[in-house]
Amino acid sequence: MNPATPSRRRGRPPKATAGFNETRASLVRAGLVALTEKGFSATGLDEVLKVVGVPKGSFYYYFESKEAFGAELIDHYGHYFARKLDWFFADDGFSPLDRLKAFMVDAEAAMERFAFSRGCLVGNLGQEMGALPEAFRQKLSDIFADWQRCTALCLRAAQAAGEIRNHHDADHLAAFFWIGWEGAVLRAKLERNSTPLRTFAEGFLAMLRT
């Protein structure tokens, strides 16, 4: 007696999990580079696929849409940068204010490493918001709010250590920092040098001494 033939499932065949996840992660990495360099609107899916070596037309096997891809990139970058801030601001080997200085020095070095061709993905997309899916707006705002929260904690620690006078509002300072720092990153990318970053850093630190 022949064994019963199993019924065939409808739809796509099961994804080879390891290969699928690896290719998807490669697309995310390539997308992050593209968005930090050119932004969302100017990035074509074909160029991302070409970098990874994925055939044209295969994109929707990995992501439902370009919007879904963009949302994934925003989330990935937000998580990555939050971990980076935590790493700098929780470093007990430095005073709180020196932790902030170390973050700025590292950011400058990172921009120099890529010849100032890459900026901040969140800042880039924020400038494009009028042409982007509305769902991106809250994601970007939430990320900035999280960065400000982390920075405010570092600034409060600096106040507790006597590095910053207590009359300053740490939340206000943190908001001011990110508004100014994002502008400095944009200008550094435009001018392809670190002068805007250093100018803002020096001005912000001088304000803290008042």
N, C-alpha and C. Protein backbone atom coordinates (compact mmCIF):
# COMPACT_ATOMS: atom_id res chain seq x y z
N MET A 1 0.84 -1.18 0.00
CA MET A 1 0.00 0.00 0.00
C MET A 1 0.89 1.24 0.00
N ASN A 2 0.62 2.15 -0.91
CA ASN A 2 1.42 3.37 -1.00
C ASN A 2 1.07 4.32 0.13
N PRO A 3 2.09 4.98 0.72
CA PRO A 3 1.79 5.95 1.78
C PRO A 3 1.00 7.11 1.21
N ALA A 4 0.18 7.73 2.05
CA ALA A 4 -0.64 8.85 1.59
C ALA A 4 0.24 10.03 1.23
N THR A 5 -0.07 10.66 0.13
CA THR A 5 0.68 11.83 -0.30
C THR A 5 0.23 13.04 0.50
N PRO A 6 1.14 13.71 1.19
CA PRO A 6 0.74 14.86 2.00
C PRO A 6 0.18 15.97 1.13
N SER A 7 -0.81 16.66 1.66
CA SER A 7 -1.40 17.76 0.90
C SER A 7 -0.41 18.90 0.79
N ARG A 8 -0.44 19.58 -0.34
CA ARG A 8 0.50 20.66 -0.61
C ARG A 8 -0.07 21.98 -0.12
N ARG A 9 0.73 22.73 0.62
CA ARG A 9 0.27 24.01 1.12
C ARG A 9 0.26 25.05 0.01
N ARG A 10 -0.70 25.94 0.12
CA ARG A 10 -0.76 27.04 -0.83
C ARG A 10 0.22 28.14 -0.43
N GLY A 11 0.52 29.01 -1.39
CA GLY A 11 1.38 30.16 -1.09
C GLY A 11 2.84 29.86 -1.37
N ARG A 12 3.68 30.75 -0.87
CA ARG A 12 5.12 30.63 -1.09
C ARG A 12 5.68 29.41 -0.36
N PRO A 13 6.76 28.84 -0.90
CA PRO A 13 7.42 27.76 -0.16
C PRO A 13 8.07 28.32 1.08
N PRO A 14 8.29 27.47 2.11
CA PRO A 14 8.92 27.96 3.34
C PRO A 14 10.28 28.60 3.05
N LYS A 15 10.59 29.68 3.74
CA LYS A 15 11.89 30.34 3.56
C LYS A 15 12.97 29.52 4.26
N ALA A 16 14.13 29.44 3.61
CA ALA A 16 15.29 28.83 4.27
C ALA A 16 15.73 29.85 5.32
N THR A 17 15.40 29.58 6.56
CA THR A 17 15.49 30.59 7.61
C THR A 17 16.86 31.25 7.70
N ALA A 18 17.93 30.46 7.74
CA ALA A 18 19.26 31.03 7.91
C ALA A 18 19.61 31.95 6.75
N GLY A 19 19.41 31.47 5.53
CA GLY A 19 19.73 32.29 4.36
C GLY A 19 18.86 33.50 4.25
N PHE A 20 17.59 33.35 4.58
CA PHE A 20 16.65 34.47 4.53
C PHE A 20 17.06 35.55 5.51
N ASN A 21 17.34 35.17 6.74
CA ASN A 21 17.72 36.14 7.78
C ASN A 21 19.03 36.84 7.44
N GLU A 22 19.97 36.09 6.89
CA GLU A 22 21.27 36.67 6.54
C GLU A 22 21.12 37.71 5.43
N THR A 23 20.34 37.36 4.41
CA THR A 23 20.13 38.30 3.30
C THR A 23 19.35 39.52 3.77
N ARG A 24 18.36 39.30 4.60
CA ARG A 24 17.56 40.42 5.11
C ARG A 24 18.44 41.36 5.93
N ALA A 25 19.32 40.80 6.76
CA ALA A 25 20.23 41.62 7.56
C ALA A 25 21.19 42.40 6.66
N SER A 26 21.62 41.79 5.55
CA SER A 26 22.51 42.47 4.61
C SER A 26 21.79 43.63 3.93
N LEU A 27 20.52 43.43 3.62
CA LEU A 27 19.73 44.52 3.03
C LEU A 27 19.58 45.67 4.02
N VAL A 28 19.39 45.34 5.28
CA VAL A 28 19.27 46.39 6.31
C VAL A 28 20.57 47.17 6.41
N ARG A 29 21.70 46.48 6.42
CA ARG A 29 23.00 47.16 6.51
C ARG A 29 23.22 48.08 5.31
N ALA A 30 22.91 47.58 4.12
CA ALA A 30 23.07 48.39 2.91
C ALA A 30 22.11 49.58 2.93
N GLY A 31 20.91 49.36 3.42
CA GLY A 31 19.94 50.43 3.52
C GLY A 31 20.37 51.52 4.48
N LEU A 32 20.96 51.12 5.60
CA LEU A 32 21.44 52.09 6.58
C LEU A 32 22.52 52.99 5.99
N VAL A 33 23.43 52.39 5.24
CA VAL A 33 24.48 53.18 4.59
C VAL A 33 23.85 54.18 3.62
N ALA A 34 22.91 53.69 2.79
CA ALA A 34 22.29 54.54 1.79
C ALA A 34 21.53 55.71 2.43
N LEU A 35 20.80 55.42 3.50
CA LEU A 35 20.00 56.47 4.12
C LEU A 35 20.85 57.48 4.88
N THR A 36 21.98 57.05 5.45
CA THR A 36 22.85 58.01 6.12
C THR A 36 23.58 58.89 5.10
N GLU A 37 23.73 58.38 3.88
CA GLU A 37 24.40 59.16 2.84
C GLU A 37 23.43 60.03 2.04
N LYS A 38 22.29 59.44 1.63
CA LYS A 38 21.42 60.14 0.66
C LYS A 38 20.01 60.37 1.14
N GLY A 39 19.59 59.72 2.20
CA GLY A 39 18.22 59.86 2.64
C GLY A 39 17.30 58.83 2.00
N PHE A 40 16.04 58.88 2.34
CA PHE A 40 15.06 57.88 1.92
C PHE A 40 14.59 58.10 0.48
N SER A 41 14.21 59.32 0.17
CA SER A 41 13.62 59.59 -1.15
C SER A 41 14.60 59.35 -2.28
N ALA A 42 15.87 59.65 -2.05
CA ALA A 42 16.87 59.53 -3.11
C ALA A 42 17.45 58.12 -3.21
N THR A 43 17.07 57.24 -2.32
CA THR A 43 17.59 55.87 -2.33
C THR A 43 16.65 54.96 -3.11
N GLY A 44 17.16 54.37 -4.16
CA GLY A 44 16.37 53.43 -4.96
C GLY A 44 16.54 52.01 -4.44
N LEU A 45 15.50 51.23 -4.51
CA LEU A 45 15.60 49.85 -4.05
C LEU A 45 16.59 49.05 -4.88
N ASP A 46 16.66 49.34 -6.17
CA ASP A 46 17.55 48.58 -7.04
C ASP A 46 19.01 48.71 -6.62
N GLU A 47 19.41 49.92 -6.19
CA GLU A 47 20.81 50.10 -5.80
C GLU A 47 21.13 49.35 -4.51
N VAL A 48 20.15 49.26 -3.59
CA VAL A 48 20.36 48.49 -2.36
C VAL A 48 20.48 47.01 -2.71
N LEU A 49 19.61 46.53 -3.58
CA LEU A 49 19.66 45.13 -4.00
C LEU A 49 20.97 44.80 -4.69
N LYS A 50 21.46 45.74 -5.49
CA LYS A 50 22.71 45.52 -6.22
C LYS A 50 23.89 45.37 -5.26
N VAL A 51 23.93 46.20 -4.23
CA VAL A 51 25.02 46.14 -3.25
C VAL A 51 25.06 44.77 -2.59
N VAL A 52 23.89 44.24 -2.28
CA VAL A 52 23.80 42.96 -1.57
C VAL A 52 23.90 41.77 -2.52
N GLY A 53 23.66 42.02 -3.81
CA GLY A 53 23.69 40.92 -4.78
C GLY A 53 22.39 40.16 -4.85
N VAL A 54 21.29 40.84 -4.54
CA VAL A 54 19.96 40.23 -4.62
C VAL A 54 19.34 40.59 -5.95
N PRO A 55 18.79 39.64 -6.69
CA PRO A 55 18.20 39.93 -8.00
C PRO A 55 17.08 40.95 -7.91
N LYS A 56 16.97 41.75 -8.96
CA LYS A 56 15.88 42.72 -9.03
C LYS A 56 14.55 41.98 -8.96
N GLY A 57 13.61 42.57 -8.30
CA GLY A 57 12.30 41.94 -8.18
C GLY A 57 12.17 41.04 -6.97
N SER A 58 13.30 40.79 -6.28
CA SER A 58 13.26 39.91 -5.11
C SER A 58 13.06 40.66 -3.80
N PHE A 59 13.04 41.99 -3.87
CA PHE A 59 12.96 42.79 -2.65
C PHE A 59 11.74 42.41 -1.80
N TYR A 60 10.60 42.21 -2.46
CA TYR A 60 9.36 41.98 -1.72
C TYR A 60 9.27 40.58 -1.11
N TYR A 61 10.26 39.79 -1.36
CA TYR A 61 10.39 38.51 -0.66
C TYR A 61 10.86 38.75 0.78
N TYR A 62 11.58 39.86 0.97
CA TYR A 62 12.17 40.17 2.27
C TYR A 62 11.42 41.26 3.03
N PHE A 63 10.80 42.20 2.31
CA PHE A 63 10.05 43.28 2.94
C PHE A 63 8.77 43.51 2.17
N GLU A 64 7.71 43.87 2.88
CA GLU A 64 6.42 44.04 2.23
C GLU A 64 6.38 45.25 1.31
N SER A 65 7.16 46.28 1.62
CA SER A 65 7.14 47.51 0.84
C SER A 65 8.38 48.34 1.17
N LYS A 66 8.60 49.39 0.40
CA LYS A 66 9.70 50.29 0.72
C LYS A 66 9.43 50.99 2.04
N GLU A 67 8.17 51.29 2.33
CA GLU A 67 7.82 51.91 3.61
C GLU A 67 8.16 50.99 4.78
N ALA A 68 7.85 49.70 4.62
CA ALA A 68 8.17 48.74 5.68
C ALA A 68 9.68 48.63 5.86
N PHE A 69 10.41 48.69 4.75
CA PHE A 69 11.87 48.66 4.79
C PHE A 69 12.39 49.88 5.53
N GLY A 70 11.85 51.06 5.21
CA GLY A 70 12.27 52.28 5.87
C GLY A 70 11.99 52.24 7.37
N ALA A 71 10.82 51.72 7.74
CA ALA A 71 10.47 51.61 9.16
C ALA A 71 11.45 50.70 9.89
N GLU A 72 11.84 49.61 9.23
CA GLU A 72 12.82 48.69 9.82
C GLU A 72 14.17 49.38 10.02
N LEU A 73 14.57 50.19 9.05
CA LEU A 73 15.84 50.90 9.15
C LEU A 73 15.82 51.93 10.29
N ILE A 74 14.71 52.63 10.42
CA ILE A 74 14.58 53.61 11.51
C ILE A 74 14.70 52.91 12.86
N ASP A 75 13.98 51.80 13.02
CA ASP A 75 14.02 51.06 14.28
C ASP A 75 15.43 50.55 14.57
N HIS A 76 16.05 49.99 13.55
CA HIS A 76 17.40 49.42 13.72
C HIS A 76 18.39 50.51 14.12
N TYR A 77 18.34 51.65 13.44
CA TYR A 77 19.26 52.74 13.74
C TYR A 77 18.99 53.31 15.14
N GLY A 78 17.72 53.44 15.48
CA GLY A 78 17.37 53.95 16.79
C GLY A 78 17.90 53.07 17.91
N HIS A 79 17.76 51.75 17.76
CA HIS A 79 18.26 50.82 18.78
C HIS A 79 19.79 50.85 18.85
N TYR A 80 20.41 50.88 17.66
CA TYR A 80 21.88 50.92 17.61
C TYR A 80 22.41 52.17 18.32
N PHE A 81 21.81 53.32 18.04
CA PHE A 81 22.33 54.55 18.60
C PHE A 81 22.03 54.66 20.09
N ALA A 82 20.89 54.11 20.52
CA ALA A 82 20.58 54.11 21.95
C ALA A 82 21.63 53.30 22.71
N ARG A 83 22.03 52.16 22.15
CA ARG A 83 23.08 51.35 22.78
C ARG A 83 24.40 52.11 22.83
N LYS A 84 24.67 52.86 21.76
CA LYS A 84 25.90 53.64 21.72
C LYS A 84 25.91 54.71 22.80
N LEU A 85 24.81 55.41 22.96
CA LEU A 85 24.72 56.43 24.00
C LEU A 85 24.86 55.81 25.39
N ASP A 86 24.21 54.68 25.59
CA ASP A 86 24.32 54.00 26.88
C ASP A 86 25.76 53.63 27.18
N TRP A 87 26.46 53.17 26.16
CA TRP A 87 27.85 52.76 26.33
C TRP A 87 28.73 53.94 26.74
N PHE A 88 28.52 55.08 26.10
CA PHE A 88 29.32 56.27 26.45
C PHE A 88 28.90 56.85 27.80
N PHE A 89 27.60 57.03 28.00
CA PHE A 89 27.13 57.77 29.17
C PHE A 89 27.17 56.95 30.46
N ALA A 90 27.35 55.64 30.35
CA ALA A 90 27.45 54.80 31.54
C ALA A 90 28.89 54.43 31.88
N ASP A 91 29.84 55.02 31.19
CA ASP A 91 31.25 54.69 31.39
C ASP A 91 31.77 55.36 32.66
N ASP A 92 31.91 54.59 33.72
CA ASP A 92 32.36 55.13 35.00
C ASP A 92 33.83 55.52 35.00
N GLY A 93 34.53 55.21 33.92
CA GLY A 93 35.93 55.58 33.85
C GLY A 93 36.13 57.07 33.57
N PHE A 94 35.05 57.76 33.24
CA PHE A 94 35.11 59.19 32.96
C PHE A 94 34.08 59.92 33.81
N SER A 95 34.32 61.20 34.04
CA SER A 95 33.31 62.01 34.71
C SER A 95 32.12 62.18 33.75
N PRO A 96 30.93 62.50 34.24
CA PRO A 96 29.77 62.63 33.35
C PRO A 96 29.98 63.59 32.18
N LEU A 97 30.57 64.74 32.44
CA LEU A 97 30.77 65.69 31.35
C LEU A 97 31.79 65.18 30.35
N ASP A 98 32.81 64.49 30.83
CA ASP A 98 33.80 63.90 29.92
C ASP A 98 33.18 62.79 29.07
N ARG A 99 32.14 62.13 29.58
CA ARG A 99 31.45 61.13 28.78
C ARG A 99 30.77 61.78 27.57
N LEU A 100 30.15 62.92 27.81
CA LEU A 100 29.52 63.65 26.71
C LEU A 100 30.57 64.12 25.71
N LYS A 101 31.69 64.61 26.22
CA LYS A 101 32.77 65.04 25.33
C LYS A 101 33.29 63.86 24.50
N ALA A 102 33.43 62.70 25.14
CA ALA A 102 33.92 61.52 24.44
C ALA A 102 32.96 61.11 23.32
N PHE A 103 31.66 61.22 23.58
CA PHE A 103 30.68 60.91 22.54
C PHE A 103 30.86 61.84 21.34
N MET A 104 31.04 63.12 21.58
CA MET A 104 31.18 64.07 20.49
C MET A 104 32.47 63.83 19.70
N VAL A 105 33.54 63.52 20.41
CA VAL A 105 34.81 63.23 19.74
C VAL A 105 34.67 61.98 18.86
N ASP A 106 34.01 60.97 19.38
CA ASP A 106 33.82 59.73 18.63
C ASP A 106 32.94 59.98 17.39
N ALA A 107 31.91 60.78 17.53
CA ALA A 107 31.04 61.09 16.40
C ALA A 107 31.80 61.83 15.31
N GLU A 108 32.65 62.75 15.73
CA GLU A 108 33.47 63.47 14.76
C GLU A 108 34.40 62.52 14.02
N ALA A 109 35.03 61.62 14.76
CA ALA A 109 35.93 60.65 14.14
C ALA A 109 35.20 59.75 13.15
N ALA A 110 33.96 59.37 13.49
CA ALA A 110 33.18 58.52 12.60
C ALA A 110 32.85 59.24 11.30
N MET A 111 32.51 60.52 11.39
CA MET A 111 32.23 61.27 10.16
C MET A 111 33.49 61.44 9.32
N GLU A 112 34.62 61.68 9.97
CA GLU A 112 35.88 61.80 9.25
C GLU A 112 36.26 60.49 8.56
N ARG A 113 35.96 59.37 9.22
CA ARG A 113 36.31 58.07 8.67
C ARG A 113 35.63 57.82 7.32
N PHE A 114 34.46 58.37 7.14
CA PHE A 114 33.74 58.21 5.88
C PHE A 114 33.74 59.49 5.05
N ALA A 115 34.76 60.31 5.27
CA ALA A 115 34.96 61.54 4.49
C ALA A 115 33.73 62.44 4.52
N PHE A 116 33.03 62.44 5.64
CA PHE A 116 31.84 63.28 5.85
C PHE A 116 30.73 63.02 4.83
N SER A 117 30.73 61.81 4.29
CA SER A 117 29.67 61.46 3.33
C SER A 117 28.42 60.94 4.03
N ARG A 118 28.55 60.55 5.29
CA ARG A 118 27.42 60.00 6.03
C ARG A 118 27.03 60.91 7.18
N GLY A 119 25.73 61.11 7.32
CA GLY A 119 25.22 61.91 8.42
C GLY A 119 24.43 61.06 9.38
N CYS A 120 23.44 61.65 10.00
CA CYS A 120 22.57 60.94 10.94
C CYS A 120 21.31 60.51 10.21
N LEU A 121 21.00 59.24 10.24
CA LEU A 121 19.82 58.74 9.54
C LEU A 121 18.55 59.42 10.03
N VAL A 122 18.42 59.58 11.34
CA VAL A 122 17.21 60.20 11.89
C VAL A 122 17.12 61.66 11.47
N GLY A 123 18.24 62.37 11.53
CA GLY A 123 18.26 63.75 11.10
C GLY A 123 17.97 63.90 9.62
N ASN A 124 18.56 63.01 8.81
CA ASN A 124 18.30 63.05 7.37
C ASN A 124 16.81 62.88 7.07
N LEU A 125 16.20 61.89 7.68
CA LEU A 125 14.79 61.63 7.41
C LEU A 125 13.90 62.73 7.97
N GLY A 126 14.30 63.32 9.08
CA GLY A 126 13.53 64.42 9.63
C GLY A 126 13.42 65.57 8.65
N GLN A 127 14.49 65.83 7.90
CA GLN A 127 14.49 66.90 6.91
C GLN A 127 13.61 66.56 5.71
N GLU A 128 13.41 65.27 5.46
CA GLU A 128 12.59 64.83 4.33
C GLU A 128 11.13 64.60 4.69
N MET A 129 10.75 64.87 5.92
CA MET A 129 9.48 64.38 6.43
C MET A 129 8.29 64.76 5.56
N GLY A 130 8.34 65.90 4.89
CA GLY A 130 7.23 66.30 4.04
C GLY A 130 6.96 65.35 2.90
N ALA A 131 7.98 64.56 2.52
CA ALA A 131 7.83 63.62 1.40
C ALA A 131 7.82 62.16 1.85
N LEU A 132 7.80 61.93 3.15
CA LEU A 132 7.88 60.57 3.68
C LEU A 132 6.53 60.09 4.20
N PRO A 133 6.38 58.78 4.37
CA PRO A 133 5.15 58.25 4.97
C PRO A 133 4.92 58.87 6.35
N GLU A 134 3.70 59.26 6.62
CA GLU A 134 3.38 59.93 7.89
C GLU A 134 3.71 59.06 9.09
N ALA A 135 3.68 57.73 8.90
CA ALA A 135 3.98 56.82 10.01
C ALA A 135 5.42 56.99 10.51
N PHE A 136 6.30 57.56 9.69
CA PHE A 136 7.69 57.75 10.11
C PHE A 136 7.81 58.86 11.16
N ARG A 137 6.89 59.82 11.15
CA ARG A 137 7.03 61.01 11.98
C ARG A 137 7.16 60.65 13.46
N GLN A 138 6.25 59.81 13.96
CA GLN A 138 6.28 59.46 15.38
C GLN A 138 7.51 58.64 15.73
N LYS A 139 7.91 57.75 14.81
CA LYS A 139 9.12 56.96 15.06
C LYS A 139 10.32 57.86 15.25
N LEU A 140 10.49 58.84 14.38
CA LEU A 140 11.63 59.74 14.46
C LEU A 140 11.57 60.59 15.72
N SER A 141 10.37 61.10 16.04
CA SER A 141 10.21 61.91 17.25
C SER A 141 10.52 61.10 18.50
N ASP A 142 10.09 59.85 18.52
CA ASP A 142 10.34 58.99 19.68
C ASP A 142 11.83 58.73 19.87
N ILE A 143 12.54 58.58 18.77
CA ILE A 143 13.98 58.33 18.87
C ILE A 143 14.69 59.56 19.43
N PHE A 144 14.34 60.73 18.91
CA PHE A 144 14.95 61.95 19.46
C PHE A 144 14.64 62.09 20.94
N ALA A 145 13.41 61.78 21.32
CA ALA A 145 13.03 61.88 22.73
C ALA A 145 13.86 60.93 23.59
N ASP A 146 14.13 59.74 23.07
CA ASP A 146 14.94 58.77 23.82
C ASP A 146 16.38 59.26 23.96
N TRP A 147 16.93 59.80 22.88
CA TRP A 147 18.30 60.34 22.95
C TRP A 147 18.38 61.49 23.95
N GLN A 148 17.36 62.34 23.94
CA GLN A 148 17.35 63.46 24.88
C GLN A 148 17.26 62.96 26.32
N ARG A 149 16.46 61.92 26.54
CA ARG A 149 16.33 61.35 27.88
C ARG A 149 17.68 60.85 28.39
N CYS A 150 18.39 60.11 27.54
CA CYS A 150 19.71 59.58 27.93
C CYS A 150 20.69 60.71 28.21
N THR A 151 20.64 61.74 27.39
CA THR A 151 21.55 62.87 27.55
C THR A 151 21.22 63.66 28.82
N ALA A 152 19.93 63.82 29.10
CA ALA A 152 19.53 64.53 30.32
C ALA A 152 20.03 63.80 31.56
N LEU A 153 19.99 62.48 31.55
CA LEU A 153 20.50 61.71 32.69
C LEU A 153 21.98 61.96 32.90
N CYS A 154 22.73 62.02 31.78
CA CYS A 154 24.16 62.29 31.87
C CYS A 154 24.40 63.69 32.40
N LEU A 155 23.61 64.65 31.96
CA LEU A 155 23.77 66.03 32.42
C LEU A 155 23.40 66.18 33.89
N ARG A 156 22.39 65.45 34.34
CA ARG A 156 22.04 65.48 35.77
C ARG A 156 23.18 64.90 36.61
N ALA A 157 23.81 63.84 36.08
CA ALA A 157 24.95 63.26 36.79
C ALA A 157 26.09 64.27 36.86
N ALA A 158 26.25 65.06 35.79
CA ALA A 158 27.29 66.10 35.79
C ALA A 158 26.95 67.17 36.82
N GLN A 159 25.68 67.49 36.99
CA GLN A 159 25.28 68.44 38.03
C GLN A 159 25.58 67.88 39.42
N ALA A 160 25.27 66.61 39.63
CA ALA A 160 25.52 65.99 40.92
C ALA A 160 27.02 65.95 41.25
N ALA A 161 27.83 65.88 40.18
CA ALA A 161 29.29 65.83 40.37
C ALA A 161 29.90 67.23 40.46
N GLY A 162 29.07 68.25 40.35
CA GLY A 162 29.56 69.62 40.45
C GLY A 162 30.19 70.15 39.17
N GLU A 163 29.99 69.45 38.05
CA GLU A 163 30.56 69.90 36.79
C GLU A 163 29.68 70.94 36.08
N ILE A 164 28.39 70.92 36.39
CA ILE A 164 27.43 71.86 35.82
C ILE A 164 26.63 72.46 36.96
N ARG A 165 26.39 73.74 36.90
CA ARG A 165 25.64 74.40 37.97
C ARG A 165 24.18 73.95 37.96
N ASN A 166 23.60 73.91 39.14
CA ASN A 166 22.25 73.35 39.29
C ASN A 166 21.12 74.22 38.77
N HIS A 167 21.42 75.47 38.44
CA HIS A 167 20.34 76.32 37.94
C HIS A 167 19.94 75.94 36.51
N HIS A 168 20.75 75.12 35.84
CA HIS A 168 20.42 74.66 34.49
C HIS A 168 19.35 73.57 34.56
N ASP A 169 18.44 73.59 33.60
CA ASP A 169 17.43 72.54 33.46
C ASP A 169 18.00 71.47 32.54
N ALA A 170 18.27 70.29 33.08
CA ALA A 170 18.92 69.23 32.32
C ALA A 170 18.10 68.79 31.10
N ASP A 171 16.79 68.73 31.24
CA ASP A 171 15.94 68.34 30.11
C ASP A 171 16.02 69.37 28.99
N HIS A 172 16.02 70.64 29.36
CA HIS A 172 16.12 71.70 28.37
C HIS A 172 17.49 71.65 27.68
N LEU A 173 18.53 71.46 28.47
CA LEU A 173 19.87 71.36 27.90
C LEU A 173 19.98 70.19 26.92
N ALA A 174 19.39 69.07 27.28
CA ALA A 174 19.45 67.89 26.41
C ALA A 174 18.73 68.14 25.10
N ALA A 175 17.56 68.79 25.17
CA ALA A 175 16.84 69.13 23.94
C ALA A 175 17.66 70.09 23.09
N PHE A 176 18.25 71.09 23.74
CA PHE A 176 19.09 72.07 23.05
C PHE A 176 20.28 71.36 22.38
N PHE A 177 20.87 70.42 23.11
CA PHE A 177 22.03 69.70 22.56
C PHE A 177 21.67 69.01 21.26
N TRP A 178 20.57 68.26 21.24
CA TRP A 178 20.26 67.47 20.04
C TRP A 178 19.78 68.33 18.89
N ILE A 179 19.09 69.42 19.20
CA ILE A 179 18.71 70.34 18.12
C ILE A 179 19.97 70.93 17.48
N GLY A 180 20.91 71.35 18.32
CA GLY A 180 22.14 71.94 17.80
C GLY A 180 23.08 70.93 17.17
N TRP A 181 23.20 69.76 17.81
CA TRP A 181 24.13 68.75 17.30
C TRP A 181 23.70 68.24 15.93
N GLU A 182 22.40 68.03 15.74
CA GLU A 182 21.92 67.57 14.43
C GLU A 182 22.21 68.61 13.36
N GLY A 183 22.08 69.89 13.70
CA GLY A 183 22.42 70.93 12.75
C GLY A 183 23.90 70.94 12.42
N ALA A 184 24.73 70.68 13.43
CA ALA A 184 26.18 70.63 13.22
C ALA A 184 26.56 69.46 12.33
N VAL A 185 25.89 68.32 12.52
CA VAL A 185 26.15 67.14 11.68
C VAL A 185 25.78 67.44 10.23
N LEU A 186 24.64 68.08 10.03
CA LEU A 186 24.22 68.46 8.69
C LEU A 186 25.24 69.38 8.04
N ARG A 187 25.69 70.39 8.78
CA ARG A 187 26.65 71.35 8.23
C ARG A 187 28.00 70.69 7.95
N ALA A 188 28.42 69.78 8.82
CA ALA A 188 29.69 69.07 8.60
C ALA A 188 29.62 68.22 7.35
N LYS A 189 28.49 67.59 7.13
CA LYS A 189 28.31 66.78 5.92
C LYS A 189 28.32 67.66 4.68
N LEU A 190 27.69 68.83 4.79
CA LEU A 190 27.64 69.77 3.67
C LEU A 190 29.03 70.31 3.33
N GLU A 191 29.78 70.71 4.36
CA GLU A 191 31.07 71.34 4.13
C GLU A 191 32.23 70.34 4.10
N ARG A 192 31.93 69.09 4.46
CA ARG A 192 32.93 68.02 4.47
C ARG A 192 34.14 68.35 5.35
N ASN A 193 33.85 68.86 6.53
CA ASN A 193 34.90 69.05 7.52
C ASN A 193 34.27 69.09 8.91
N SER A 194 35.11 69.02 9.93
CA SER A 194 34.63 68.88 11.30
C SER A 194 34.39 70.21 12.01
N THR A 195 34.65 71.31 11.34
CA THR A 195 34.53 72.61 12.00
C THR A 195 33.15 72.85 12.64
N PRO A 196 32.04 72.55 11.95
CA PRO A 196 30.73 72.78 12.58
C PRO A 196 30.54 71.96 13.85
N LEU A 197 31.03 70.73 13.87
CA LEU A 197 30.91 69.89 15.07
C LEU A 197 31.68 70.50 16.23
N ARG A 198 32.90 70.95 15.95
CA ARG A 198 33.73 71.53 17.02
C ARG A 198 33.18 72.86 17.49
N THR A 199 32.65 73.64 16.55
CA THR A 199 32.08 74.93 16.93
C THR A 199 30.90 74.75 17.87
N PHE A 200 30.02 73.81 17.52
CA PHE A 200 28.88 73.58 18.40
C PHE A 200 29.33 73.01 19.74
N ALA A 201 30.24 72.03 19.72
CA ALA A 201 30.70 71.42 20.97
C ALA A 201 31.29 72.47 21.90
N GLU A 202 32.13 73.33 21.35
CA GLU A 202 32.76 74.37 22.18
C GLU A 202 31.71 75.33 22.74
N GLY A 203 30.74 75.71 21.92
CA GLY A 203 29.70 76.62 22.38
C GLY A 203 28.82 76.00 23.44
N PHE A 204 28.45 74.74 23.26
CA PHE A 204 27.59 74.06 24.23
C PHE A 204 28.31 73.91 25.56
N LEU A 205 29.56 73.49 25.52
CA LEU A 205 30.31 73.30 26.76
C LEU A 205 30.55 74.64 27.47
N ALA A 206 30.75 75.70 26.69
CA ALA A 206 30.94 77.01 27.30
C ALA A 206 29.65 77.45 28.01
N MET A 207 28.50 77.16 27.40
CA MET A 207 27.21 77.50 28.02
C MET A 207 27.04 76.79 29.35
N LEU A 208 27.53 75.55 29.45
CA LEU A 208 27.38 74.80 30.68
C LEU A 208 28.17 75.40 31.83
N ARG A 209 29.17 76.20 31.50
CA ARG A 209 30.02 76.79 32.56
C ARG A 209 29.41 78.08 33.12
N THR A 210 28.33 78.54 32.54
CA THR A 210 27.73 79.81 33.00
C THR A 210 26.84 79.58 34.22
